[in-house]
Amino acid sequence: MQTAELGEKFLRRALCNVGRARDDGCAAGRGASTAELEIMFRHEKVDVLRDEQWPELLNIQKEQMEALRNLLVSSRTSSDKVSGAPTA
């Protein structure tokens, strides 16, 4: 997801949360300050990082580990052929 899209998504969620707060009559709804909106924005950003980007990062890391394993196996096979050592 593009950064601009994420910013829009956070802002929409934050404004929606402020609207809900107003409907509920809580303190944030009686005039959410810029600081309160910023806090909501940060919470939404952390939620997206946790829910969407963290699993993606883990998948990338798994792919990198698999690539490293393949390189290691390939490297061992190549060095065995050069040294004349029997392969397992």
Protein backbone atom coordinates (compact mmCIF):
# COMPACT_ATOMS: atom_id res chain seq x y z
CA MET A 1 0.00 0.00 0.00
CA GLN A 2 1.34 3.45 -0.92
CA THR A 3 2.19 5.95 1.83
CA ALA A 4 -0.43 8.43 0.61
CA GLU A 5 -3.09 5.72 0.66
CA LEU A 6 -2.09 4.75 4.20
CA GLY A 7 -2.31 8.39 5.30
CA GLU A 8 -5.79 8.71 3.85
CA LYS A 9 -6.86 5.44 5.45
CA PHE A 10 -5.57 6.58 8.87
CA LEU A 11 -7.26 9.95 8.57
CA ARG A 12 -10.59 8.39 7.57
CA ARG A 13 -10.42 5.96 10.50
CA ALA A 14 -9.45 8.70 12.94
CA LEU A 15 -12.27 10.96 11.78
CA CYS A 16 -14.68 8.05 11.95
CA ASN A 17 -13.53 7.35 15.51
CA VAL A 18 -14.04 11.02 16.42
CA GLY A 19 -17.53 10.85 14.93
CA ARG A 20 -18.32 7.76 16.99
CA ALA A 21 -16.95 9.48 20.08
CA ARG A 22 -19.22 12.46 19.45
CA ASP A 23 -22.18 10.15 19.07
CA ASP A 24 -21.24 8.47 22.34
CA GLY A 25 -20.82 11.80 24.08
CA CYS A 26 -17.38 11.04 25.45
CA ALA A 27 -14.66 13.66 26.08
CA ALA A 28 -12.90 13.13 22.74
CA GLY A 29 -16.18 13.78 20.97
CA ARG A 30 -16.74 17.16 22.61
CA GLY A 31 -14.06 18.66 20.38
CA ALA A 32 -11.21 16.38 19.55
CA SER A 33 -8.00 18.33 19.72
CA THR A 34 -5.21 18.05 17.21
CA ALA A 35 -3.24 16.03 19.76
CA GLU A 36 -6.11 13.58 20.19
CA LEU A 37 -6.38 13.17 16.42
CA GLU A 38 -2.62 12.63 16.21
CA ILE A 39 -2.82 9.94 18.89
CA MET A 40 -5.65 8.20 17.02
CA PHE A 41 -3.63 8.46 13.82
CA ARG A 42 -0.62 6.82 15.51
CA HIS A 43 -2.80 4.03 16.91
CA GLU A 44 -4.21 3.33 13.47
CA LYS A 45 -0.71 3.30 12.00
CA VAL A 46 0.46 0.76 14.57
CA ASP A 47 -2.63 -1.36 13.84
CA VAL A 48 -1.85 -1.39 10.12
CA LEU A 49 1.79 -2.22 10.78
CA ARG A 50 0.78 -5.09 13.02
CA ASP A 51 -2.08 -6.44 10.94
CA GLU A 52 -0.88 -5.89 7.38
CA GLN A 53 2.81 -5.15 7.16
CA TRP A 54 4.23 -7.45 9.84
CA PRO A 55 2.98 -10.67 8.17
CA GLU A 56 4.32 -9.37 4.85
CA LEU A 57 7.71 -8.74 6.47
CA LEU A 58 7.75 -12.25 7.92
CA ASN A 59 7.01 -13.74 4.49
CA ILE A 60 9.87 -11.76 2.95
CA GLN A 61 12.16 -12.94 5.73
CA LYS A 62 11.16 -16.58 5.12
CA GLU A 63 11.95 -16.17 1.41
CA GLN A 64 15.33 -14.67 2.26
CA MET A 65 16.13 -17.54 4.63
CA GLU A 66 15.21 -20.08 1.95
CA ALA A 67 17.43 -18.27 -0.58
CA LEU A 68 20.32 -18.32 1.91
CA ARG A 69 19.81 -22.05 2.53
CA ASN A 70 19.86 -22.69 -1.21
CA LEU A 71 23.05 -20.66 -1.57
CA LEU A 72 24.67 -22.58 1.27
CA VAL A 73 23.74 -25.94 -0.26
CA SER A 74 24.91 -24.76 -3.67
CA SER A 75 28.16 -23.46 -2.22
CA ARG A 76 28.85 -26.73 -0.39
CA THR A 77 28.10 -28.76 -3.52
CA SER A 78 30.43 -26.57 -5.62
CA SER A 79 33.28 -26.74 -3.11
CA ASP A 80 32.89 -30.52 -2.82
CA LYS A 81 33.19 -30.89 -6.58
CA VAL A 82 36.32 -28.72 -6.66
CA SER A 83 37.99 -30.54 -3.76
CA GLY A 84 36.97 -33.96 -5.01
CA ALA A 85 35.27 -34.76 -1.73
CA PRO A 86 32.32 -37.13 -1.92
CA THR A 87 28.92 -35.45 -1.76
CA ALA A 88 26.42 -36.51 0.85
